[in-house]
Amino acid sequence: MKHSKPFVFRTDKRVRYELLLKKPHKCYKAEGICYDPSEKTPKIFINPDQPDKEVLNTIIHEIAHAFFWDASEEKVTKFGNTVARCLSREGWKRDDKKR
């Protein structure tokens, strides 16, 4: 996923999100942020400067927020960690590190 082109997807509720590999604003003190689906143009920002496994985990975590907005942070974290661990074990590798 290149830094300049967002990944666009829709949730099951037809909310259109743009996911960008760009550091969230420092006020969030987070590696990723998912904006409220009720916003006009919700976005997800992921810090691309993390280690590969952490980028994977953060992407999964923030997409989970988009789909399961009302789920607790604990549940989203558990889900994200589980999926990321499974994909990492199966050999997921980031092949495009150009930004």
PDB file of N, CA and C in Angstrom:
ATOM      1  N   MET A   1       0.853  -1.167   0.000  1.00  0.00           N
ATOM      2  CA  MET A   1       0.000   0.000   0.000  1.00  0.00           C
ATOM      3  C   MET A   1       0.897   1.228   0.000  1.00  0.00           C
ATOM      4  N   LYS A   2       0.780   2.053  -1.013  1.00  0.00           N
ATOM      5  CA  LYS A   2       1.633   3.228  -1.100  1.00  0.00           C
ATOM      6  C   LYS A   2       1.076   4.374  -0.282  1.00  0.00           C
ATOM      7  N   HIS A   3       1.978   5.171   0.199  1.00  0.00           N
ATOM      8  CA  HIS A   3       1.630   6.309   1.048  1.00  0.00           C
ATOM      9  C   HIS A   3       0.689   7.289   0.352  1.00  0.00           C
ATOM     10  N   SER A   4       0.870   7.519  -0.935  1.00  0.00           N
ATOM     11  CA  SER A   4       0.119   8.569  -1.616  1.00  0.00           C
ATOM     12  C   SER A   4      -1.288   8.157  -2.035  1.00  0.00           C
ATOM     13  N   LYS A   5      -1.575   6.890  -2.136  1.00  0.00           N
ATOM     14  CA  LYS A   5      -2.890   6.445  -2.596  1.00  0.00           C
ATOM     15  C   LYS A   5      -3.626   5.719  -1.469  1.00  0.00           C
ATOM     16  N   PRO A   6      -4.779   6.250  -1.055  1.00  0.00           N
ATOM     17  CA  PRO A   6      -5.510   5.601   0.036  1.00  0.00           C
ATOM     18  C   PRO A   6      -6.159   4.295  -0.404  1.00  0.00           C
ATOM     19  N   PHE A   7      -6.334   3.406   0.552  1.00  0.00           N
ATOM     20  CA  PHE A   7      -7.127   2.192   0.345  1.00  0.00           C
ATOM     21  C   PHE A   7      -8.545   2.556   0.747  1.00  0.00           C
ATOM     22  N   VAL A   8      -9.492   2.370  -0.163  1.00  0.00           N
ATOM     23  CA  VAL A   8     -10.881   2.749   0.087  1.00  0.00           C
ATOM     24  C   VAL A   8     -11.715   1.480   0.244  1.00  0.00           C
ATOM     25  N   PHE A   9     -12.570   1.475   1.267  1.00  0.00           N
ATOM     26  CA  PHE A   9     -13.459   0.332   1.477  1.00  0.00           C
ATOM     27  C   PHE A   9     -14.763   0.816   2.091  1.00  0.00           C
ATOM     28  N   ARG A  10     -15.758  -0.046   2.056  1.00  0.00           N
ATOM     29  CA  ARG A  10     -17.044   0.236   2.696  1.00  0.00           C
ATOM     30  C   ARG A  10     -17.307  -0.824   3.756  1.00  0.00           C
ATOM     31  N   THR A  11     -17.872  -0.394   4.859  1.00  0.00           N
ATOM     32  CA  THR A  11     -18.248  -1.325   5.910  1.00  0.00           C
ATOM     33  C   THR A  11     -19.559  -2.006   5.527  1.00  0.00           C
ATOM     34  N   ASP A  12     -19.985  -2.933   6.362  1.00  0.00           N
ATOM     35  CA  ASP A  12     -21.258  -3.605   6.135  1.00  0.00           C
ATOM     36  C   ASP A  12     -22.439  -2.636   6.215  1.00  0.00           C
ATOM     37  N   LYS A  13     -22.222  -1.485   6.825  1.00  0.00           N
ATOM     38  CA  LYS A  13     -23.272  -0.460   6.914  1.00  0.00           C
ATOM     39  C   LYS A  13     -23.123   0.588   5.814  1.00  0.00           C
ATOM     40  N   ARG A  14     -22.286   0.276   4.827  1.00  0.00           N
ATOM     41  CA  ARG A  14     -22.065   1.118   3.644  1.00  0.00           C
ATOM     42  C   ARG A  14     -21.354   2.432   3.950  1.00  0.00           C
ATOM     43  N   VAL A  15     -20.636   2.487   5.060  1.00  0.00           N
ATOM     44  CA  VAL A  15     -19.840   3.671   5.380  1.00  0.00           C
ATOM     45  C   VAL A  15     -18.543   3.562   4.595  1.00  0.00           C
ATOM     46  N   ARG A  16     -18.231   4.596   3.836  1.00  0.00           N
ATOM     47  CA  ARG A  16     -17.022   4.616   3.011  1.00  0.00           C
ATOM     48  C   ARG A  16     -15.870   5.195   3.831  1.00  0.00           C
ATOM     49  N   TYR A  17     -14.803   4.418   3.921  1.00  0.00           N
ATOM     50  CA  TYR A  17     -13.590   4.838   4.630  1.00  0.00           C
ATOM     51  C   TYR A  17     -12.418   4.926   3.668  1.00  0.00           C
ATOM     52  N   GLU A  18     -11.516   5.826   3.958  1.00  0.00           N
ATOM     53  CA  GLU A  18     -10.221   5.881   3.299  1.00  0.00           C
ATOM     54  C   GLU A  18      -9.170   5.559   4.345  1.00  0.00           C
ATOM     55  N   LEU A  19      -8.303   4.604   4.036  1.00  0.00           N
ATOM     56  CA  LEU A  19      -7.199   4.243   4.924  1.00  0.00           C
ATOM     57  C   LEU A  19      -5.921   4.785   4.303  1.00  0.00           C
ATOM     58  N   LEU A  20      -5.199   5.580   5.075  1.00  0.00           N
ATOM     59  CA  LEU A  20      -3.966   6.191   4.590  1.00  0.00           C
ATOM     60  C   LEU A  20      -2.790   5.809   5.475  1.00  0.00           C
ATOM     61  N   LEU A  21      -1.675   5.497   4.849  1.00  0.00           N
ATOM     62  CA  LEU A  21      -0.442   5.264   5.602  1.00  0.00           C
ATOM     63  C   LEU A  21       0.201   6.618   5.845  1.00  0.00           C
ATOM     64  N   LYS A  22      -0.230   7.208   6.923  1.00  0.00           N
ATOM     65  CA  LYS A  22       0.218   8.542   7.322  1.00  0.00           C
ATOM     66  C   LYS A  22       0.078   8.622   8.837  1.00  0.00           C
ATOM     67  N   LYS A  23       1.075   9.181   9.485  1.00  0.00           N
ATOM     68  CA  LYS A  23       1.027   9.275  10.947  1.00  0.00           C
ATOM     69  C   LYS A  23      -0.200  10.051  11.401  1.00  0.00           C
ATOM     70  N   PRO A  24      -0.898   9.515  12.408  1.00  0.00           N
ATOM     71  CA  PRO A  24      -1.998  10.293  12.992  1.00  0.00           C
ATOM     72  C   PRO A  24      -1.436  11.548  13.665  1.00  0.00           C
ATOM     73  N   HIS A  25      -2.250  12.558  13.799  1.00  0.00           N
ATOM     74  CA  HIS A  25      -1.814  13.782  14.463  1.00  0.00           C
ATOM     75  C   HIS A  25      -1.275  13.432  15.850  1.00  0.00           C
ATOM     76  N   LYS A  26      -0.236  14.120  16.261  1.00  0.00           N
ATOM     77  CA  LYS A  26       0.428  13.806  17.535  1.00  0.00           C
ATOM     78  C   LYS A  26      -0.487  13.952  18.749  1.00  0.00           C
ATOM     79  N   CYS A  27      -1.574  14.699  18.624  1.00  0.00           N
ATOM     80  CA  CYS A  27      -2.483  14.862  19.760  1.00  0.00           C
ATOM     81  C   CYS A  27      -3.151  13.538  20.153  1.00  0.00           C
ATOM     82  N   TYR A  28      -3.195  12.576  19.225  1.00  0.00           N
ATOM     83  CA  TYR A  28      -3.830  11.290  19.529  1.00  0.00           C
ATOM     84  C   TYR A  28      -2.914  10.339  20.291  1.00  0.00           C
ATOM     85  N   LYS A  29      -1.611  10.574  20.217  1.00  0.00           N
ATOM     86  CA  LYS A  29      -0.654   9.697  20.898  1.00  0.00           C
ATOM     87  C   LYS A  29      -0.946   8.232  20.575  1.00  0.00           C
ATOM     88  N   ALA A  30      -1.120   7.953  19.265  1.00  0.00           N
ATOM     89  CA  ALA A  30      -1.478   6.609  18.804  1.00  0.00           C
ATOM     90  C   ALA A  30      -0.776   6.308  17.485  1.00  0.00           C
ATOM     91  N   GLU A  31      -0.602   5.033  17.217  1.00  0.00           N
ATOM     92  CA  GLU A  31      -0.001   4.606  15.951  1.00  0.00           C
ATOM     93  C   GLU A  31      -1.042   4.520  14.835  1.00  0.00           C
ATOM     94  N   GLY A  32      -2.312   4.513  15.234  1.00  0.00           N
ATOM     95  CA  GLY A  32      -3.396   4.490  14.254  1.00  0.00           C
ATOM     96  C   GLY A  32      -4.627   5.126  14.849  1.00  0.00           C
ATOM     97  N   ILE A  33      -5.484   5.625  13.973  1.00  0.00           N
ATOM     98  CA  ILE A  33      -6.735   6.237  14.429  1.00  0.00           C
ATOM     99  C   ILE A  33      -7.814   5.969  13.389  1.00  0.00           C
ATOM    100  N   CYS A  34      -8.994   5.630  13.878  1.00  0.00           N
ATOM    101  CA  CYS A  34     -10.164   5.429  13.031  1.00  0.00           C
ATOM    102  C   CYS A  34     -11.185   6.487  13.417  1.00  0.00           C
ATOM    103  N   TYR A  35     -11.595   7.288  12.450  1.00  0.00           N
ATOM    104  CA  TYR A  35     -12.563   8.335  12.737  1.00  0.00           C
ATOM    105  C   TYR A  35     -13.975   7.774  12.800  1.00  0.00           C
ATOM    106  N   ASP A  36     -14.812   8.443  13.547  1.00  0.00           N
ATOM    107  CA  ASP A  36     -16.207   8.070  13.756  1.00  0.00           C
ATOM    108  C   ASP A  36     -16.921   7.900  12.412  1.00  0.00           C
ATOM    109  N   PRO A  37     -17.650   6.798  12.247  1.00  0.00           N
ATOM    110  CA  PRO A  37     -18.343   6.560  10.977  1.00  0.00           C
ATOM    111  C   PRO A  37     -19.442   7.582  10.682  1.00  0.00           C
ATOM    112  N   SER A  38     -19.853   8.364  11.662  1.00  0.00           N
ATOM    113  CA  SER A  38     -20.884   9.368  11.408  1.00  0.00           C
ATOM    114  C   SER A  38     -20.317  10.640  10.782  1.00  0.00           C
ATOM    115  N   GLU A  39     -18.987  10.751  10.719  1.00  0.00           N
ATOM    116  CA  GLU A  39     -18.380  11.915  10.074  1.00  0.00           C
ATOM    117  C   GLU A  39     -18.648  11.878   8.568  1.00  0.00           C
ATOM    118  N   LYS A  40     -18.574  13.031   7.943  1.00  0.00           N
ATOM    119  CA  LYS A  40     -18.874  13.131   6.509  1.00  0.00           C
ATOM    120  C   LYS A  40     -17.926  12.282   5.660  1.00  0.00           C
ATOM    121  N   THR A  41     -16.652  12.328   5.944  1.00  0.00           N
ATOM    122  CA  THR A  41     -15.666  11.533   5.196  1.00  0.00           C
ATOM    123  C   THR A  41     -14.706  10.860   6.184  1.00  0.00           C
ATOM    124  N   PRO A  42     -15.142   9.780   6.832  1.00  0.00           N
ATOM    125  CA  PRO A  42     -14.281   9.150   7.834  1.00  0.00           C
ATOM    126  C   PRO A  42     -13.015   8.556   7.216  1.00  0.00           C
ATOM    127  N   LYS A  43     -11.942   8.680   7.954  1.00  0.00           N
ATOM    128  CA  LYS A  43     -10.645   8.184   7.506  1.00  0.00           C
ATOM    129  C   LYS A  43      -9.985   7.363   8.604  1.00  0.00           C
ATOM    130  N   ILE A  44      -9.019   6.582   8.174  1.00  0.00           N
ATOM    131  CA  ILE A  44      -8.157   5.841   9.085  1.00  0.00           C
ATOM    132  C   ILE A  44      -6.733   6.251   8.742  1.00  0.00           C
ATOM    133  N   PHE A  45      -5.959   6.614   9.759  1.00  0.00           N
ATOM    134  CA  PHE A  45      -4.553   6.942   9.573  1.00  0.00           C
ATOM    135  C   PHE A  45      -3.718   5.902  10.303  1.00  0.00           C
ATOM    136  N   ILE A  46      -2.693   5.411   9.625  1.00  0.00           N
ATOM    137  CA  ILE A  46      -1.787   4.403  10.165  1.00  0.00           C
ATOM    138  C   ILE A  46      -0.364   4.939  10.062  1.00  0.00           C
ATOM    139  N   ASN A  47       0.388   4.878  11.150  1.00  0.00           N
ATOM    140  CA  ASN A  47       1.794   5.283  11.127  1.00  0.00           C
ATOM    141  C   ASN A  47       2.590   4.254  10.324  1.00  0.00           C
ATOM    142  N   PRO A  48       3.123   4.635   9.153  1.00  0.00           N
ATOM    143  CA  PRO A  48       3.859   3.688   8.330  1.00  0.00           C
ATOM    144  C   PRO A  48       5.278   3.416   8.813  1.00  0.00           C
ATOM    145  N   ASP A  49       5.738   4.165   9.817  1.00  0.00           N
ATOM    146  CA  ASP A  49       7.109   4.035  10.290  1.00  0.00           C
ATOM    147  C   ASP A  49       7.280   2.994  11.393  1.00  0.00           C
ATOM    148  N   GLN A  50       6.253   2.231  11.652  1.00  0.00           N
ATOM    149  CA  GLN A  50       6.326   1.156  12.641  1.00  0.00           C
ATOM    150  C   GLN A  50       6.994  -0.066  12.004  1.00  0.00           C
ATOM    151  N   PRO A  51       7.464  -0.996  12.814  1.00  0.00           N
ATOM    152  CA  PRO A  51       7.927  -2.277  12.252  1.00  0.00           C
ATOM    153  C   PRO A  51       6.775  -2.957  11.500  1.00  0.00           C
ATOM    154  N   ASP A  52       7.107  -3.785  10.521  1.00  0.00           N
ATOM    155  CA  ASP A  52       6.102  -4.420   9.663  1.00  0.00           C
ATOM    156  C   ASP A  52       4.976  -5.102  10.430  1.00  0.00           C
ATOM    157  N   LYS A  53       5.316  -5.875  11.450  1.00  0.00           N
ATOM    158  CA  LYS A  53       4.277  -6.583  12.213  1.00  0.00           C
ATOM    159  C   LYS A  53       3.346  -5.606  12.912  1.00  0.00           C
ATOM    160  N   GLU A  54       3.881  -4.486  13.349  1.00  0.00           N
ATOM    161  CA  GLU A  54       3.051  -3.480  14.022  1.00  0.00           C
ATOM    162  C   GLU A  54       2.157  -2.744  13.030  1.00  0.00           C
ATOM    163  N   VAL A  55       2.658  -2.481  11.822  1.00  0.00           N
ATOM    164  CA  VAL A  55       1.807  -1.869  10.786  1.00  0.00           C
ATOM    165  C   VAL A  55       0.635  -2.793  10.495  1.00  0.00           C
ATOM    166  N   LEU A  56       0.915  -4.083  10.327  1.00  0.00           N
ATOM    167  CA  LEU A  56      -0.136  -5.070  10.073  1.00  0.00           C
ATOM    168  C   LEU A  56      -1.159  -5.053  11.214  1.00  0.00           C
ATOM    169  N   ASN A  57      -0.679  -5.122  12.426  1.00  0.00           N
ATOM    170  CA  ASN A  57      -1.567  -5.143  13.587  1.00  0.00           C
ATOM    171  C   ASN A  57      -2.411  -3.869  13.653  1.00  0.00           C
ATOM    172  N   THR A  58      -1.809  -2.731  13.401  1.00  0.00           N
ATOM    173  CA  THR A  58      -2.530  -1.462  13.483  1.00  0.00           C
ATOM    174  C   THR A  58      -3.582  -1.353  12.384  1.00  0.00           C
ATOM    175  N   ILE A  59      -3.254  -1.791  11.183  1.00  0.00           N
ATOM    176  CA  ILE A  59      -4.239  -1.777  10.092  1.00  0.00           C
ATOM    177  C   ILE A  59      -5.447  -2.632  10.470  1.00  0.00           C
ATOM    178  N   ILE A  60      -5.202  -3.843  10.932  1.00  0.00           N
ATOM    179  CA  ILE A  60      -6.297  -4.743  11.316  1.00  0.00           C
ATOM    180  C   ILE A  60      -7.119  -4.123  12.440  1.00  0.00           C
ATOM    181  N   HIS A  61      -6.435  -3.595  13.425  1.00  0.00           N
ATOM    182  CA  HIS A  61      -7.101  -2.993  14.587  1.00  0.00           C
ATOM    183  C   HIS A  61      -8.024  -1.848  14.161  1.00  0.00           C
ATOM    184  N   GLU A  62      -7.521  -0.955  13.335  1.00  0.00           N
ATOM    185  CA  GLU A  62      -8.316   0.216  12.954  1.00  0.00           C
ATOM    186  C   GLU A  62      -9.450  -0.148  12.002  1.00  0.00           C
ATOM    187  N   ILE A  63      -9.247  -1.108  11.115  1.00  0.00           N
ATOM    188  CA  ILE A  63     -10.345  -1.569  10.261  1.00  0.00           C
ATOM    189  C   ILE A  63     -11.420  -2.232  11.119  1.00  0.00           C
ATOM    190  N   ALA A  64     -11.002  -2.960  12.142  1.00  0.00           N
ATOM    191  CA  ALA A  64     -11.976  -3.566  13.055  1.00  0.00           C
ATOM    192  C   ALA A  64     -12.828  -2.476  13.718  1.00  0.00           C
ATOM    193  N   HIS A  65     -12.213  -1.364  14.106  1.00  0.00           N
ATOM    194  CA  HIS A  65     -12.990  -0.249  14.654  1.00  0.00           C
ATOM    195  C   HIS A  65     -14.025   0.244  13.645  1.00  0.00           C
ATOM    196  N   ALA A  66     -13.631   0.336  12.385  1.00  0.00           N
ATOM    197  CA  ALA A  66     -14.559   0.814  11.357  1.00  0.00           C
ATOM    198  C   ALA A  66     -15.779  -0.092  11.241  1.00  0.00           C
ATOM    199  N   PHE A  67     -15.555  -1.394  11.288  1.00  0.00           N
ATOM    200  CA  PHE A  67     -16.656  -2.351  11.146  1.00  0.00           C
ATOM    201  C   PHE A  67     -17.436  -2.553  12.443  1.00  0.00           C
ATOM    202  N   PHE A  68     -16.761  -2.462  13.566  1.00  0.00           N
ATOM    203  CA  PHE A  68     -17.374  -2.754  14.865  1.00  0.00           C
ATOM    204  C   PHE A  68     -17.221  -1.546  15.787  1.00  0.00           C
ATOM    205  N   TRP A  69     -17.744  -0.419  15.352  1.00  0.00           N
ATOM    206  CA  TRP A  69     -17.532   0.859  16.032  1.00  0.00           C
ATOM    207  C   TRP A  69     -17.883   0.823  17.509  1.00  0.00           C
ATOM    208  N   ASP A  70     -18.921   0.098  17.863  1.00  0.00           N
ATOM    209  CA  ASP A  70     -19.367   0.074  19.254  1.00  0.00           C
ATOM    210  C   ASP A  70     -18.673  -0.981  20.114  1.00  0.00           C
ATOM    211  N   ALA A  71     -17.784  -1.762  19.518  1.00  0.00           N
ATOM    212  CA  ALA A  71     -17.056  -2.781  20.288  1.00  0.00           C
ATOM    213  C   ALA A  71     -16.056  -2.097  21.220  1.00  0.00           C
ATOM    214  N   SER A  72     -15.795  -2.735  22.333  1.00  0.00           N
ATOM    215  CA  SER A  72     -14.839  -2.169  23.288  1.00  0.00           C
ATOM    216  C   SER A  72     -13.423  -2.215  22.715  1.00  0.00           C
ATOM    217  N   GLU A  73     -12.593  -1.336  23.243  1.00  0.00           N
ATOM    218  CA  GLU A  73     -11.184  -1.316  22.835  1.00  0.00           C
ATOM    219  C   GLU A  73     -10.534  -2.665  23.139  1.00  0.00           C
ATOM    220  N   GLU A  74     -10.918  -3.266  24.241  1.00  0.00           N
ATOM    221  CA  GLU A  74     -10.383  -4.577  24.620  1.00  0.00           C
ATOM    222  C   GLU A  74     -10.707  -5.635  23.553  1.00  0.00           C
ATOM    223  N   LYS A  75     -11.945  -5.677  23.091  1.00  0.00           N
ATOM    224  CA  LYS A  75     -12.334  -6.661  22.074  1.00  0.00           C
ATOM    225  C   LYS A  75     -11.640  -6.407  20.739  1.00  0.00           C
ATOM    226  N   VAL A  76     -11.564  -5.139  20.342  1.00  0.00           N
ATOM    227  CA  VAL A  76     -10.894  -4.793  19.077  1.00  0.00           C
ATOM    228  C   VAL A  76      -9.413  -5.164  19.157  1.00  0.00           C
ATOM    229  N   THR A  77      -8.783  -4.887  20.274  1.00  0.00           N
ATOM    230  CA  THR A  77      -7.369  -5.225  20.456  1.00  0.00           C
ATOM    231  C   THR A  77      -7.159  -6.730  20.397  1.00  0.00           C
ATOM    232  N   LYS A  78      -7.984  -7.488  21.074  1.00  0.00           N
ATOM    233  CA  LYS A  78      -7.881  -8.952  21.066  1.00  0.00           C
ATOM    234  C   LYS A  78      -8.042  -9.484  19.641  1.00  0.00           C
ATOM    235  N   PHE A  79      -9.041  -8.990  18.922  1.00  0.00           N
ATOM    236  CA  PHE A  79      -9.267  -9.399  17.540  1.00  0.00           C
ATOM    237  C   PHE A  79      -8.058  -9.052  16.670  1.00  0.00           C
ATOM    238  N   GLY A  80      -7.601  -7.804  16.742  1.00  0.00           N
ATOM    239  CA  GLY A  80      -6.467  -7.360  15.928  1.00  0.00           C
ATOM    240  C   GLY A  80      -5.207  -8.154  16.197  1.00  0.00           C
ATOM    241  N   ASN A  81      -4.913  -8.380  17.456  1.00  0.00           N
ATOM    242  CA  ASN A  81      -3.719  -9.141  17.822  1.00  0.00           C
ATOM    243  C   ASN A  81      -3.793 -10.574  17.297  1.00  0.00           C
ATOM    244  N   THR A  82      -4.970 -11.176  17.380  1.00  0.00           N
ATOM    245  CA  THR A  82      -5.143 -12.564  16.936  1.00  0.00           C
ATOM    246  C   THR A  82      -4.957 -12.680  15.429  1.00  0.00           C
ATOM    247  N   VAL A  83      -5.617 -11.817  14.665  1.00  0.00           N
ATOM    248  CA  VAL A  83      -5.506 -11.878  13.200  1.00  0.00           C
ATOM    249  C   VAL A  83      -4.076 -11.557  12.761  1.00  0.00           C
ATOM    250  N   ALA A  84      -3.464 -10.541  13.341  1.00  0.00           N
ATOM    251  CA  ALA A  84      -2.094 -10.180  12.972  1.00  0.00           C
ATOM    252  C   ALA A  84      -1.120 -11.302  13.286  1.00  0.00           C
ATOM    253  N   ARG A  85      -1.285 -11.939  14.443  1.00  0.00           N
ATOM    254  CA  ARG A  85      -0.404 -13.055  14.818  1.00  0.00           C
ATOM    255  C   ARG A  85      -0.552 -14.213  13.827  1.00  0.00           C
ATOM    256  N   CYS A  86      -1.789 -14.512  13.426  1.00  0.00           N
ATOM    257  CA  CYS A  86      -2.040 -15.585  12.467  1.00  0.00           C
ATOM    258  C   CYS A  86      -1.393 -15.275  11.111  1.00  0.00           C
ATOM    259  N   LEU A  87      -1.597 -14.068  10.604  1.00  0.00           N
ATOM    260  CA  LEU A  87      -1.024 -13.701   9.307  1.00  0.00           C
ATOM    261  C   LEU A  87       0.503 -13.663   9.358  1.00  0.00           C
ATOM    262  N   SER A  88       1.052 -13.170  10.442  1.00  0.00           N
ATOM    263  CA  SER A  88       2.512 -13.146  10.593  1.00  0.00           C
ATOM    264  C   SER A  88       3.082 -14.557  10.607  1.00  0.00           C
ATOM    265  N   ARG A  89       2.420 -15.431  11.321  1.00  0.00           N
ATOM    266  CA  ARG A  89       2.872 -16.824  11.386  1.00  0.00           C
ATOM    267  C   ARG A  89       2.827 -17.489  10.018  1.00  0.00           C
ATOM    268  N   GLU A  90       1.866 -17.077   9.205  1.00  0.00           N
ATOM    269  CA  GLU A  90       1.715 -17.647   7.866  1.00  0.00           C
ATOM    270  C   GLU A  90       2.612 -16.970   6.834  1.00  0.00           C
ATOM    271  N   GLY A  91       3.435 -16.028   7.290  1.00  0.00           N
ATOM    272  CA  GLY A  91       4.448 -15.453   6.414  1.00  0.00           C
ATOM    273  C   GLY A  91       4.109 -14.129   5.769  1.00  0.00           C
ATOM    274  N   TRP A  92       3.103 -13.422   6.286  1.00  0.00           N
ATOM    275  CA  TRP A  92       2.800 -12.113   5.706  1.00  0.00           C
ATOM    276  C   TRP A  92       4.033 -11.235   5.736  1.00  0.00           C
ATOM    277  N   LYS A  93       4.329 -10.616   4.621  1.00  0.00           N
ATOM    278  CA  LYS A  93       5.458  -9.694   4.536  1.00  0.00           C
ATOM    279  C   LYS A  93       5.003  -8.447   3.797  1.00  0.00           C
ATOM    280  N   ARG A  94       5.478  -7.322   4.228  1.00  0.00           N
ATOM    281  CA  ARG A  94       5.201  -6.054   3.562  1.00  0.00           C
ATOM    282  C   ARG A  94       6.158  -5.921   2.393  1.00  0.00           C
ATOM    283  N   ASP A  95       5.622  -5.883   1.174  1.00  0.00           N
ATOM    284  CA  ASP A  95       6.495  -5.874  -0.006  1.00  0.00           C
ATOM    285  C   ASP A  95       6.675  -4.504  -0.624  1.00  0.00           C
ATOM    286  N   ASP A  96       5.927  -3.507  -0.172  1.00  0.00           N
ATOM    287  CA  ASP A  96       6.071  -2.179  -0.727  1.00  0.00           C
ATOM    288  C   ASP A  96       6.310  -1.184   0.391  1.00  0.00           C
ATOM    289  N   LYS A  97       7.568  -0.851   0.599  1.00  0.00           N
ATOM    290  CA  LYS A  97       7.904   0.072   1.684  1.00  0.00           C
ATOM    291  C   LYS A  97       8.178   1.475   1.162  1.00  0.00           C
ATOM    292  N   LYS A  98       7.894   1.712  -0.123  1.00  0.00           N
ATOM    293  CA  LYS A  98       8.112   3.042  -0.697  1.00  0.00           C
ATOM    294  C   LYS A  98       7.029   3.982  -0.184  1.00  0.00           C
ATOM    295  N   ARG A  99       7.464   5.186   0.187  1.00  0.00           N
ATOM    296  CA  ARG A  99       6.503   6.178   0.663  1.00  0.00           C
ATOM    297  C   ARG A  99       6.705   7.440  -0.093  1.00  0.00           C
TER     298      ARG A  99
END
